[in-house]
PDB file of N, CA and C in Angstrom:
ATOM      1  N   MET A   1      23.424  -2.838 -11.337  1.00  0.00           N
ATOM      2  CA  MET A   1      23.655  -1.426 -11.109  1.00  0.00           C
ATOM      3  C   MET A   1      22.603  -0.632 -11.887  1.00  0.00           C
ATOM      4  N   PRO A   2      22.071   0.401 -11.253  1.00  0.00           N
ATOM      5  CA  PRO A   2      21.050   1.202 -11.937  1.00  0.00           C
ATOM      6  C   PRO A   2      21.644   2.179 -12.941  1.00  0.00           C
ATOM      7  N   ILE A   3      20.815   2.577 -13.867  1.00  0.00           N
ATOM      8  CA  ILE A   3      21.192   3.567 -14.874  1.00  0.00           C
ATOM      9  C   ILE A   3      20.474   4.865 -14.512  1.00  0.00           C
ATOM     10  N   TYR A   4      21.254   5.937 -14.366  1.00  0.00           N
ATOM     11  CA  TYR A   4      20.701   7.238 -14.018  1.00  0.00           C
ATOM     12  C   TYR A   4      20.761   8.165 -15.222  1.00  0.00           C
ATOM     13  N   ALA A   5      19.742   8.991 -15.372  1.00  0.00           N
ATOM     14  CA  ALA A   5      19.701   9.981 -16.442  1.00  0.00           C
ATOM     15  C   ALA A   5      20.201  11.306 -15.874  1.00  0.00           C
ATOM     16  N   TYR A   6      21.180  11.906 -16.534  1.00  0.00           N
ATOM     17  CA  TYR A   6      21.733  13.199 -16.131  1.00  0.00           C
ATOM     18  C   TYR A   6      21.462  14.218 -17.219  1.00  0.00           C
ATOM     19  N   ARG A   7      21.367  15.489 -16.822  1.00  0.00           N
ATOM     20  CA  ARG A   7      21.170  16.583 -17.776  1.00  0.00           C
ATOM     21  C   ARG A   7      21.849  17.826 -17.230  1.00  0.00           C
ATOM     22  N   CYS A   8      22.513  18.556 -18.095  1.00  0.00           N
ATOM     23  CA  CYS A   8      23.195  19.800 -17.737  1.00  0.00           C
ATOM     24  C   CYS A   8      22.220  20.961 -17.885  1.00  0.00           C
ATOM     25  N   ALA A   9      22.102  21.767 -16.842  1.00  0.00           N
ATOM     26  CA  ALA A   9      21.202  22.914 -16.883  1.00  0.00           C
ATOM     27  C   ALA A   9      21.780  24.039 -17.742  1.00  0.00           C
ATOM     28  N   SER A  10      23.094  24.064 -17.929  1.00  0.00           N
ATOM     29  CA  SER A  10      23.718  25.138 -18.718  1.00  0.00           C
ATOM     30  C   SER A  10      23.613  24.899 -20.221  1.00  0.00           C
ATOM     31  N   CYS A  11      24.117  23.748 -20.659  1.00  0.00           N
ATOM     32  CA  CYS A  11      24.175  23.504 -22.108  1.00  0.00           C
ATOM     33  C   CYS A  11      23.097  22.549 -22.610  1.00  0.00           C
ATOM     34  N   GLY A  12      22.389  21.837 -21.707  1.00  0.00           N
ATOM     35  CA  GLY A  12      21.331  20.924 -22.123  1.00  0.00           C
ATOM     36  C   GLY A  12      21.815  19.534 -22.472  1.00  0.00           C
ATOM     37  N   HIS A  13      23.113  19.244 -22.280  1.00  0.00           N
ATOM     38  CA  HIS A  13      23.662  17.917 -22.575  1.00  0.00           C
ATOM     39  C   HIS A  13      22.982  16.879 -21.679  1.00  0.00           C
ATOM     40  N   ALA A  14      22.502  15.786 -22.272  1.00  0.00           N
ATOM     41  CA  ALA A  14      21.843  14.711 -21.530  1.00  0.00           C
ATOM     42  C   ALA A  14      22.573  13.405 -21.793  1.00  0.00           C
ATOM     43  N   GLN A  15      22.669  12.584 -20.732  1.00  0.00           N
ATOM     44  CA  GLN A  15      23.390  11.316 -20.853  1.00  0.00           C
ATOM     45  C   GLN A  15      22.874  10.346 -19.798  1.00  0.00           C
ATOM     46  N   ASP A  16      22.815   9.068 -20.144  1.00  0.00           N
ATOM     47  CA  ASP A  16      22.497   8.011 -19.195  1.00  0.00           C
ATOM     48  C   ASP A  16      23.804   7.429 -18.687  1.00  0.00           C
ATOM     49  N   VAL A  17      23.910   7.283 -17.358  1.00  0.00           N
ATOM     50  CA  VAL A  17      25.152   6.833 -16.739  1.00  0.00           C
ATOM     51  C   VAL A  17      24.864   5.632 -15.854  1.00  0.00           C
ATOM     52  N   LEU A  18      25.666   4.576 -16.013  1.00  0.00           N
ATOM     53  CA  LEU A  18      25.577   3.384 -15.190  1.00  0.00           C
ATOM     54  C   LEU A  18      26.430   3.613 -13.937  1.00  0.00           C
ATOM     55  N   GLN A  19      25.776   3.622 -12.758  1.00  0.00           N
ATOM     56  CA  GLN A  19      26.480   3.892 -11.513  1.00  0.00           C
ATOM     57  C   GLN A  19      26.022   2.934 -10.427  1.00  0.00           C
ATOM     58  N   LYS A  20      26.885   2.747  -9.414  1.00  0.00           N
ATOM     59  CA  LYS A  20      26.507   1.993  -8.225  1.00  0.00           C
ATOM     60  C   LYS A  20      25.599   2.867  -7.368  1.00  0.00           C
ATOM     61  N   LEU A  21      24.838   2.232  -6.504  1.00  0.00           N
ATOM     62  CA  LEU A  21      23.997   2.983  -5.578  1.00  0.00           C
ATOM     63  C   LEU A  21      24.844   3.823  -4.635  1.00  0.00           C
ATOM     64  N   SER A  22      26.034   3.329  -4.289  1.00  0.00           N
ATOM     65  CA  SER A  22      26.895   4.023  -3.339  1.00  0.00           C
ATOM     66  C   SER A  22      27.734   5.131  -3.974  1.00  0.00           C
ATOM     67  N   ASP A  23      27.755   5.234  -5.305  1.00  0.00           N
ATOM     68  CA  ASP A  23      28.536   6.280  -5.978  1.00  0.00           C
ATOM     69  C   ASP A  23      27.920   7.656  -5.743  1.00  0.00           C
ATOM     70  N   GLU A  24      28.791   8.662  -5.649  1.00  0.00           N
ATOM     71  CA  GLU A  24      28.340  10.043  -5.519  1.00  0.00           C
ATOM     72  C   GLU A  24      27.732  10.498  -6.849  1.00  0.00           C
ATOM     73  N   PRO A  25      26.693  11.339  -6.800  1.00  0.00           N
ATOM     74  CA  PRO A  25      26.119  11.845  -8.060  1.00  0.00           C
ATOM     75  C   PRO A  25      27.118  12.737  -8.797  1.00  0.00           C
ATOM     76  N   LEU A  26      27.047  12.691 -10.112  1.00  0.00           N
ATOM     77  CA  LEU A  26      27.930  13.520 -10.927  1.00  0.00           C
ATOM     78  C   LEU A  26      27.445  14.968 -10.898  1.00  0.00           C
ATOM     79  N   THR A  27      28.386  15.922 -10.880  1.00  0.00           N
ATOM     80  CA  THR A  27      28.032  17.338 -10.885  1.00  0.00           C
ATOM     81  C   THR A  27      28.706  18.100 -12.022  1.00  0.00           C
ATOM     82  N   GLN A  28      29.773  17.551 -12.575  1.00  0.00           N
ATOM     83  CA  GLN A  28      30.545  18.210 -13.635  1.00  0.00           C
ATOM     84  C   GLN A  28      30.059  17.720 -14.994  1.00  0.00           C
ATOM     85  N   CYS A  29      29.600  18.631 -15.845  1.00  0.00           N
ATOM     86  CA  CYS A  29      29.108  18.285 -17.181  1.00  0.00           C
ATOM     87  C   CYS A  29      30.288  17.890 -18.066  1.00  0.00           C
ATOM     88  N   PRO A  30      30.216  16.705 -18.727  1.00  0.00           N
ATOM     89  CA  PRO A  30      31.320  16.308 -19.601  1.00  0.00           C
ATOM     90  C   PRO A  30      31.385  17.125 -20.895  1.00  0.00           C
ATOM     91  N   ALA A  31      30.317  17.775 -21.293  1.00  0.00           N
ATOM     92  CA  ALA A  31      30.305  18.538 -22.547  1.00  0.00           C
ATOM     93  C   ALA A  31      30.848  19.955 -22.371  1.00  0.00           C
ATOM     94  N   CYS A  32      30.325  20.686 -21.360  1.00  0.00           N
ATOM     95  CA  CYS A  32      30.727  22.086 -21.217  1.00  0.00           C
ATOM     96  C   CYS A  32      31.593  22.352 -19.998  1.00  0.00           C
ATOM     97  N   GLY A  33      31.670  21.382 -19.069  1.00  0.00           N
ATOM     98  CA  GLY A  33      32.500  21.541 -17.876  1.00  0.00           C
ATOM     99  C   GLY A  33      31.844  22.314 -16.751  1.00  0.00           C
ATOM    100  N   ALA A  34      30.613  22.746 -16.907  1.00  0.00           N
ATOM    101  CA  ALA A  34      29.914  23.490 -15.859  1.00  0.00           C
ATOM    102  C   ALA A  34      29.501  22.538 -14.731  1.00  0.00           C
ATOM    103  N   ALA A  35      29.326  23.104 -13.553  1.00  0.00           N
ATOM    104  CA  ALA A  35      28.947  22.311 -12.379  1.00  0.00           C
ATOM    105  C   ALA A  35      27.422  22.257 -12.226  1.00  0.00           C
ATOM    106  N   THR A  36      26.716  22.217 -13.314  1.00  0.00           N
ATOM    107  CA  THR A  36      25.248  22.195 -13.293  1.00  0.00           C
ATOM    108  C   THR A  36      24.685  20.878 -13.816  1.00  0.00           C
ATOM    109  N   TYR A  37      25.450  19.810 -13.728  1.00  0.00           N
ATOM    110  CA  TYR A  37      25.048  18.474 -14.173  1.00  0.00           C
ATOM    111  C   TYR A  37      24.279  17.817 -13.028  1.00  0.00           C
ATOM    112  N   ALA A  38      23.050  17.379 -13.257  1.00  0.00           N
ATOM    113  CA  ALA A  38      22.230  16.822 -12.178  1.00  0.00           C
ATOM    114  C   ALA A  38      21.416  15.632 -12.678  1.00  0.00           C
ATOM    115  N   LYS A  39      21.047  14.763 -11.724  1.00  0.00           N
ATOM    116  CA  LYS A  39      20.195  13.606 -12.034  1.00  0.00           C
ATOM    117  C   LYS A  39      18.802  14.087 -12.372  1.00  0.00           C
ATOM    118  N   GLN A  40      18.151  13.358 -13.261  1.00  0.00           N
ATOM    119  CA  GLN A  40      16.768  13.632 -13.611  1.00  0.00           C
ATOM    120  C   GLN A  40      15.883  12.543 -13.019  1.00  0.00           C
ATOM    121  N   VAL A  41      14.663  12.878 -12.739  1.00  0.00           N
ATOM    122  CA  VAL A  41      13.686  11.889 -12.294  1.00  0.00           C
ATOM    123  C   VAL A  41      13.063  11.296 -13.552  1.00  0.00           C
ATOM    124  N   THR A  42      13.139   9.979 -13.678  1.00  0.00           N
ATOM    125  CA  THR A  42      12.626   9.315 -14.873  1.00  0.00           C
ATOM    126  C   THR A  42      11.613   8.249 -14.488  1.00  0.00           C
ATOM    127  N   ALA A  43      10.825   7.841 -15.452  1.00  0.00           N
ATOM    128  CA  ALA A  43       9.827   6.788 -15.242  1.00  0.00           C
ATOM    129  C   ALA A  43      10.509   5.430 -15.277  1.00  0.00           C
ATOM    130  N   ALA A  44       9.901   4.466 -14.626  1.00  0.00           N
ATOM    131  CA  ALA A  44      10.425   3.103 -14.629  1.00  0.00           C
ATOM    132  C   ALA A  44      10.328   2.524 -16.034  1.00  0.00           C
ATOM    133  N   GLY A  45      11.201   1.577 -16.339  1.00  0.00           N
ATOM    134  CA  GLY A  45      11.221   0.965 -17.655  1.00  0.00           C
ATOM    135  C   GLY A  45      10.263  -0.191 -17.808  1.00  0.00           C
ATOM    136  N   PHE A  46       9.368  -0.401 -16.833  1.00  0.00           N
ATOM    137  CA  PHE A  46       8.402  -1.485 -16.937  1.00  0.00           C
ATOM    138  C   PHE A  46       7.106  -1.042 -16.271  1.00  0.00           C
ATOM    139  N   GLN A  47       6.027  -1.759 -16.574  1.00  0.00           N
ATOM    140  CA  GLN A  47       4.731  -1.484 -15.979  1.00  0.00           C
ATOM    141  C   GLN A  47       4.176  -2.766 -15.396  1.00  0.00           C
ATOM    142  N   LEU A  48       3.519  -2.645 -14.253  1.00  0.00           N
ATOM    143  CA  LEU A  48       2.841  -3.786 -13.652  1.00  0.00           C
ATOM    144  C   LEU A  48       1.362  -3.670 -14.001  1.00  0.00           C
ATOM    145  N   LYS A  49       0.846  -4.685 -14.680  1.00  0.00           N
ATOM    146  CA  LYS A  49      -0.552  -4.665 -15.095  1.00  0.00           C
ATOM    147  C   LYS A  49      -1.247  -5.903 -14.563  1.00  0.00           C
ATOM    148  N   GLY A  50      -2.538  -5.818 -14.463  1.00  0.00           N
ATOM    149  CA  GLY A  50      -3.330  -6.962 -14.036  1.00  0.00           C
ATOM    150  C   GLY A  50      -3.642  -6.900 -12.564  1.00  0.00           C
ATOM    151  N   SER A  51      -4.239  -7.953 -12.062  1.00  0.00           N
ATOM    152  CA  SER A  51      -4.665  -7.980 -10.665  1.00  0.00           C
ATOM    153  C   SER A  51      -3.553  -8.411  -9.726  1.00  0.00           C
ATOM    154  N   GLY A  52      -2.410  -8.816 -10.243  1.00  0.00           N
ATOM    155  CA  GLY A  52      -1.315  -9.223  -9.382  1.00  0.00           C
ATOM    156  C   GLY A  52      -1.343 -10.706  -9.100  1.00  0.00           C
ATOM    157  N   TRP A  53      -0.493 -11.130  -8.163  1.00  0.00           N
ATOM    158  CA  TRP A  53      -0.460 -12.531  -7.776  1.00  0.00           C
ATOM    159  C   TRP A  53      -0.174 -12.607  -6.289  1.00  0.00           C
ATOM    160  N   TYR A  54      -0.475 -13.726  -5.727  1.00  0.00           N
ATOM    161  CA  TYR A  54      -0.295 -13.948  -4.309  1.00  0.00           C
ATOM    162  C   TYR A  54       0.521 -15.216  -4.112  1.00  0.00           C
ATOM    163  N   VAL A  55       1.097 -15.387  -2.953  1.00  0.00           N
ATOM    164  CA  VAL A  55       1.901 -16.564  -2.645  1.00  0.00           C
ATOM    165  C   VAL A  55       1.075 -17.829  -2.834  1.00  0.00           C
ATOM    166  N   THR A  56      -0.193 -17.765  -2.495  1.00  0.00           N
ATOM    167  CA  THR A  56      -1.047 -18.952  -2.579  1.00  0.00           C
ATOM    168  C   THR A  56      -1.401 -19.320  -4.016  1.00  0.00           C
ATOM    169  N   ASP A  57      -1.133 -18.450  -4.967  1.00  0.00           N
ATOM    170  CA  ASP A  57      -1.464 -18.749  -6.361  1.00  0.00           C
ATOM    171  C   ASP A  57      -0.668 -19.916  -6.921  1.00  0.00           C
ATOM    172  N   PHE A  58       0.526 -20.179  -6.409  1.00  0.00           N
ATOM    173  CA  PHE A  58       1.390 -21.197  -6.982  1.00  0.00           C
ATOM    174  C   PHE A  58       1.602 -22.397  -6.069  1.00  0.00           C
ATOM    175  N   ARG A  59       0.863 -22.490  -5.002  1.00  0.00           N
ATOM    176  CA  ARG A  59       0.982 -23.650  -4.121  1.00  0.00           C
ATOM    177  C   ARG A  59       0.132 -24.792  -4.645  1.00  0.00           C
ATOM    178  N   GLY A  60       0.678 -25.980  -4.642  1.00  0.00           N
ATOM    179  CA  GLY A  60      -0.088 -27.173  -4.963  1.00  0.00           C
ATOM    180  C   GLY A  60      -0.426 -27.355  -6.429  1.00  0.00           C
ATOM    181  N   GLY A  61       0.238 -26.691  -7.312  1.00  0.00           N
ATOM    182  CA  GLY A  61       0.003 -26.901  -8.739  1.00  0.00           C
ATOM    183  C   GLY A  61      -1.280 -26.262  -9.219  1.00  0.00           C
ATOM    184  N   ASN A  62      -2.048 -27.024 -10.000  1.00  0.00           N
ATOM    185  CA  ASN A  62      -3.270 -26.495 -10.611  1.00  0.00           C
ATOM    186  C   ASN A  62      -4.502 -26.852  -9.792  1.00  0.00           C
ATOM    187  N   ASN A  63      -4.517 -26.527  -8.546  1.00  0.00           N
ATOM    188  CA  ASN A  63      -5.659 -26.822  -7.687  1.00  0.00           C
ATOM    189  C   ASN A  63      -6.546 -25.603  -7.523  1.00  0.00           C
ATOM    190  N   ALA A  64      -6.759 -24.857  -8.573  1.00  0.00           N
ATOM    191  CA  ALA A  64      -7.590 -23.665  -8.513  1.00  0.00           C
ATOM    192  C   ALA A  64      -9.040 -24.090  -8.287  1.00  0.00           C
ATOM    193  N   PRO A  65      -9.742 -23.391  -7.386  1.00  0.00           N
ATOM    194  CA  PRO A  65     -11.142 -23.754  -7.146  1.00  0.00           C
ATOM    195  C   PRO A  65     -11.989 -23.456  -8.374  1.00  0.00           C
ATOM    196  N   ALA A  66     -12.946 -24.332  -8.616  1.00  0.00           N
ATOM    197  CA  ALA A  66     -13.831 -24.151  -9.767  1.00  0.00           C
ATOM    198  C   ALA A  66     -14.815 -23.034  -9.472  1.00  0.00           C
ATOM    199  N   ALA A  67     -15.213 -22.315 -10.482  1.00  0.00           N
ATOM    200  CA  ALA A  67     -16.170 -21.225 -10.314  1.00  0.00           C
ATOM    201  C   ALA A  67     -17.539 -21.813  -9.989  1.00  0.00           C
ATOM    202  N   LYS A  68     -18.213 -21.187  -9.025  1.00  0.00           N
ATOM    203  CA  LYS A  68     -19.532 -21.672  -8.624  1.00  0.00           C
ATOM    204  C   LYS A  68     -20.597 -21.082  -9.544  1.00  0.00           C
ATOM    205  N   LYS A  69     -21.640 -21.856  -9.729  1.00  0.00           N
ATOM    206  CA  LYS A  69     -22.761 -21.360 -10.502  1.00  0.00           C
ATOM    207  C   LYS A  69     -23.577 -20.416  -9.629  1.00  0.00           C
ATOM    208  N   ASP A  70     -24.345 -19.551 -10.237  1.00  0.00           N
ATOM    209  CA  ASP A  70     -25.126 -18.559  -9.495  1.00  0.00           C
ATOM    210  C   ASP A  70     -26.104 -19.204  -8.518  1.00  0.00           C
ATOM    211  N   ASP A  71     -26.769 -20.291  -8.927  1.00  0.00           N
ATOM    212  CA  ASP A  71     -27.758 -20.912  -8.045  1.00  0.00           C
ATOM    213  C   ASP A  71     -27.090 -21.715  -6.931  1.00  0.00           C
ATOM    214  N   GLU A  72     -25.841 -22.143  -7.089  1.00  0.00           N
ATOM    215  CA  GLU A  72     -25.128 -22.866  -6.031  1.00  0.00           C
ATOM    216  C   GLU A  72     -24.441 -21.905  -5.067  1.00  0.00           C
ATOM    217  N   ALA A  73     -24.066 -20.725  -5.519  1.00  0.00           N
ATOM    218  CA  ALA A  73     -23.294 -19.791  -4.712  1.00  0.00           C
ATOM    219  C   ALA A  73     -24.107 -19.204  -3.571  1.00  0.00           C
ATOM    220  N   ALA A  74     -25.384 -18.929  -3.757  1.00  0.00           N
ATOM    221  CA  ALA A  74     -26.201 -18.305  -2.716  1.00  0.00           C
ATOM    222  C   ALA A  74     -27.123 -19.349  -2.106  1.00  0.00           C
ATOM    223  N   PRO A  75     -26.924 -19.692  -0.808  1.00  0.00           N
ATOM    224  CA  PRO A  75     -27.836 -20.622  -0.149  1.00  0.00           C
ATOM    225  C   PRO A  75     -29.179 -19.936   0.089  1.00  0.00           C
ATOM    226  N   ALA A  76     -30.162 -20.705   0.506  1.00  0.00           N
ATOM    227  CA  ALA A  76     -31.488 -20.149   0.758  1.00  0.00           C
ATOM    228  C   ALA A  76     -31.368 -19.010   1.761  1.00  0.00           C
ATOM    229  N   ALA A  77     -31.962 -17.886   1.446  1.00  0.00           N
ATOM    230  CA  ALA A  77     -31.840 -16.696   2.286  1.00  0.00           C
ATOM    231  C   ALA A  77     -32.693 -16.855   3.532  1.00  0.00           C
ATOM    232  N   ALA A  78     -32.142 -16.392   4.675  1.00  0.00           N
ATOM    233  CA  ALA A  78     -32.881 -16.426   5.930  1.00  0.00           C
ATOM    234  C   ALA A  78     -33.861 -15.262   5.944  1.00  0.00           C
ATOM    235  N   PRO A  79     -34.933 -15.358   6.721  1.00  0.00           N
ATOM    236  CA  PRO A  79     -35.883 -14.246   6.802  1.00  0.00           C
ATOM    237  C   PRO A  79     -35.185 -12.980   7.297  1.00  0.00           C
ATOM    238  N   ALA A  80     -35.636 -11.832   6.827  1.00  0.00           N
ATOM    239  CA  ALA A  80     -34.999 -10.558   7.158  1.00  0.00           C
ATOM    240  C   ALA A  80     -35.110 -10.241   8.636  1.00  0.00           C
ATOM    241  N   ALA A  81     -36.111 -10.743   9.328  1.00  0.00           N
ATOM    242  CA  ALA A  81     -36.303 -10.455  10.749  1.00  0.00           C
ATOM    243  C   ALA A  81     -35.206 -11.107  11.592  1.00  0.00           C
ATOM    244  N   ASP A  82     -34.649 -12.235  11.151  1.00  0.00           N
ATOM    245  CA  ASP A  82     -33.623 -12.930  11.925  1.00  0.00           C
ATOM    246  C   ASP A  82     -32.261 -12.246  11.837  1.00  0.00           C
ATOM    247  N   LYS A  83     -31.957 -11.538  10.772  1.00  0.00           N
ATOM    248  CA  LYS A  83     -30.627 -10.967  10.569  1.00  0.00           C
ATOM    249  C   LYS A  83     -30.239  -9.946  11.625  1.00  0.00           C
ATOM    250  N   PRO A  84     -31.054  -8.968  12.019  1.00  0.00           N
ATOM    251  CA  PRO A  84     -30.631  -8.017  13.046  1.00  0.00           C
ATOM    252  C   PRO A  84     -30.373  -8.695  14.382  1.00  0.00           C
ATOM    253  N   ALA A  85     -31.162  -9.702  14.735  1.00  0.00           N
ATOM    254  CA  ALA A  85     -30.966 -10.402  16.001  1.00  0.00           C
ATOM    255  C   ALA A  85     -29.639 -11.154  15.988  1.00  0.00           C
ATOM    256  N   GLU A  86     -29.292 -11.770  14.866  1.00  0.00           N
ATOM    257  CA  GLU A  86     -28.027 -12.486  14.763  1.00  0.00           C
ATOM    258  C   GLU A  86     -26.852 -11.537  14.911  1.00  0.00           C
ATOM    259  N   LYS A  87     -26.936 -10.357  14.296  1.00  0.00           N
ATOM    260  CA  LYS A  87     -25.865  -9.379  14.394  1.00  0.00           C
ATOM    261  C   LYS A  87     -25.696  -8.906  15.832  1.00  0.00           C
ATOM    262  N   ALA A  88     -26.791  -8.675  16.531  1.00  0.00           N
ATOM    263  CA  ALA A  88     -26.728  -8.215  17.915  1.00  0.00           C
ATOM    264  C   ALA A  88     -26.075  -9.265  18.800  1.00  0.00           C
ATOM    265  N   GLU A  89     -26.381 -10.551  18.584  1.00  0.00           N
ATOM    266  CA  GLU A  89     -25.778 -11.620  19.371  1.00  0.00           C
ATOM    267  C   GLU A  89     -24.280 -11.722  19.106  1.00  0.00           C
ATOM    268  N   LYS A  90     -23.870 -11.588  17.842  1.00  0.00           N
ATOM    269  CA  LYS A  90     -22.448 -11.691  17.492  1.00  0.00           C
ATOM    270  C   LYS A  90     -21.647 -10.554  18.098  1.00  0.00           C
ATOM    271  N   THR A  91     -22.174  -9.333  18.067  1.00  0.00           N
ATOM    272  CA  THR A  91     -21.421  -8.197  18.601  1.00  0.00           C
ATOM    273  C   THR A  91     -21.362  -8.247  20.113  1.00  0.00           C
ATOM    274  N   ALA A  92     -22.359  -8.811  20.780  1.00  0.00           N
ATOM    275  CA  ALA A  92     -22.362  -8.892  22.235  1.00  0.00           C
ATOM    276  C   ALA A  92     -21.344  -9.920  22.727  1.00  0.00           C
ATOM    277  N   ASP A  93     -20.949 -10.864  21.896  1.00  0.00           N
ATOM    278  CA  ASP A  93     -20.017 -11.900  22.307  1.00  0.00           C
ATOM    279  C   ASP A  93     -18.558 -11.458  22.221  1.00  0.00           C
ATOM    280  N   LYS A  94     -18.270 -10.300  21.687  1.00  0.00           N
ATOM    281  CA  LYS A  94     -16.885  -9.863  21.531  1.00  0.00           C
ATOM    282  C   LYS A  94     -16.328  -9.428  22.885  1.00  0.00           C
ATOM    283  N   PRO A  95     -15.134  -9.948  23.288  1.00  0.00           N
ATOM    284  CA  PRO A  95     -14.565  -9.615  24.598  1.00  0.00           C
ATOM    285  C   PRO A  95     -14.223  -8.136  24.747  1.00  0.00           C
ATOM    286  N   ALA A  96     -13.760  -7.485  23.702  1.00  0.00           N
ATOM    287  CA  ALA A  96     -13.389  -6.076  23.815  1.00  0.00           C
ATOM    288  C   ALA A  96     -14.600  -5.220  24.139  1.00  0.00           C
ATOM    289  N   GLU A  97     -15.727  -5.547  23.546  1.00  0.00           N
ATOM    290  CA  GLU A  97     -16.931  -4.777  23.812  1.00  0.00           C
ATOM    291  C   GLU A  97     -17.455  -5.046  25.214  1.00  0.00           C
ATOM    292  N   LYS A  98     -17.324  -6.288  25.695  1.00  0.00           N
ATOM    293  CA  LYS A  98     -17.741  -6.606  27.053  1.00  0.00           C
ATOM    294  C   LYS A  98     -16.896  -5.838  28.053  1.00  0.00           C
ATOM    295  N   ALA A  99     -15.585  -5.784  27.829  1.00  0.00           N
ATOM    296  CA  ALA A  99     -14.692  -5.086  28.740  1.00  0.00           C
ATOM    297  C   ALA A  99     -14.989  -3.595  28.743  1.00  0.00           C
ATOM    298  N   ALA A 100     -15.275  -3.027  27.588  1.00  0.00           N
ATOM    299  CA  ALA A 100     -15.567  -1.599  27.500  1.00  0.00           C
ATOM    300  C   ALA A 100     -16.894  -1.280  28.186  1.00  0.00           C
ATOM    301  N   ALA A 101     -17.868  -2.175  28.095  1.00  0.00           N
ATOM    302  CA  ALA A 101     -19.161  -1.955  28.718  1.00  0.00           C
ATOM    303  C   ALA A 101     -19.073  -2.105  30.229  1.00  0.00           C
ATOM    304  N   ALA A 102     -18.211  -2.998  30.710  1.00  0.00           N
ATOM    305  CA  ALA A 102     -18.095  -3.258  32.137  1.00  0.00           C
ATOM    306  C   ALA A 102     -17.238  -2.214  32.838  1.00  0.00           C
ATOM    307  N   ALA A 103     -16.269  -1.603  32.145  1.00  0.00           N
ATOM    308  CA  ALA A 103     -15.368  -0.634  32.770  1.00  0.00           C
ATOM    309  C   ALA A 103     -16.091   0.688  32.974  1.00  0.00           C
ATOM    310  N   PRO A 104     -15.906   1.295  34.166  1.00  0.00           N
ATOM    311  CA  PRO A 104     -16.547   2.597  34.388  1.00  0.00           C
ATOM    312  C   PRO A 104     -15.848   3.669  33.572  1.00  0.00           C
ATOM    313  N   ALA A 105     -16.581   4.715  33.233  1.00  0.00           N
ATOM    314  CA  ALA A 105     -16.022   5.807  32.455  1.00  0.00           C
ATOM    315  C   ALA A 105     -15.048   6.596  33.323  1.00  0.00           C
ATOM    316  N   ALA A 106     -13.937   7.007  32.757  1.00  0.00           N
ATOM    317  CA  ALA A 106     -12.932   7.781  33.479  1.00  0.00           C
ATOM    318  C   ALA A 106     -13.475   9.176  33.736  1.00  0.00           C
ATOM    319  N   PRO A 107     -13.216   9.739  34.936  1.00  0.00           N
ATOM    320  CA  PRO A 107     -13.724  11.083  35.220  1.00  0.00           C
ATOM    321  C   PRO A 107     -12.994  12.112  34.350  1.00  0.00           C
ATOM    322  N   ALA A 108     -13.691  13.163  34.015  1.00  0.00           N
ATOM    323  CA  ALA A 108     -13.113  14.222  33.174  1.00  0.00           C
ATOM    324  C   ALA A 108     -12.102  15.018  34.000  1.00  0.00           C
ATOM    325  N   PRO A 109     -10.985  15.426  33.411  1.00  0.00           N
ATOM    326  CA  PRO A 109     -10.000  16.203  34.155  1.00  0.00           C
ATOM    327  C   PRO A 109     -10.570  17.585  34.478  1.00  0.00           C
ATOM    328  N   PRO A 110     -10.092  18.186  35.588  1.00  0.00           N
ATOM    329  CA  PRO A 110     -10.599  19.503  35.951  1.00  0.00           C
ATOM    330  C   PRO A 110     -10.184  20.542  34.913  1.00  0.00           C
ATOM    331  N   PRO A 111     -10.974  21.585  34.717  1.00  0.00           N
ATOM    332  CA  PRO A 111     -10.618  22.596  33.724  1.00  0.00           C
ATOM    333  C   PRO A 111      -9.353  23.334  34.146  1.00  0.00           C
ATOM    334  N   ALA A 112      -8.520  23.665  33.157  1.00  0.00           N
ATOM    335  CA  ALA A 112      -7.268  24.356  33.430  1.00  0.00           C
ATOM    336  C   ALA A 112      -7.530  25.819  33.752  1.00  0.00           C
ATOM    337  N   THR A 113      -6.819  26.301  34.744  1.00  0.00           N
ATOM    338  CA  THR A 113      -6.964  27.711  35.103  1.00  0.00           C
ATOM    339  C   THR A 113      -5.772  28.479  34.585  1.00  0.00           C
ATOM    340  N   GLY A 114      -5.953  29.703  34.303  1.00  0.00           N
ATOM    341  CA  GLY A 114      -4.899  30.519  33.706  1.00  0.00           C
ATOM    342  C   GLY A 114      -4.044  31.248  34.735  1.00  0.00           C
ATOM    343  N   THR A 115      -3.990  30.800  35.997  1.00  0.00           N
ATOM    344  CA  THR A 115      -3.187  31.492  37.012  1.00  0.00           C
ATOM    345  C   THR A 115      -1.820  30.980  37.123  1.00  0.00           C
TER     346      THR A 115
END
């Protein structure tokens, strides 16, 4: 069950109350009896720090991949002239782009008249 912080706007009485999620919020101040008792918005009691974790982090025990060295991580670079041609070939092979290129453009709707 969550703990809610309440505060009275009339007398300033503050109290933490343990309530169910389905319980109605309290409105009657226990100190002065005024109907100005309301929940306060409070910060969470914990913080999440770090980069987080993923489901795959705990599969298979300690099978974490070893860090690659700088000279092993980058294979021999291809000449700069080949890269644009490779990109053009890859984008031309996509079915969505082929379908969009083959489909005729839809005609524009006629302009609306004010009559």
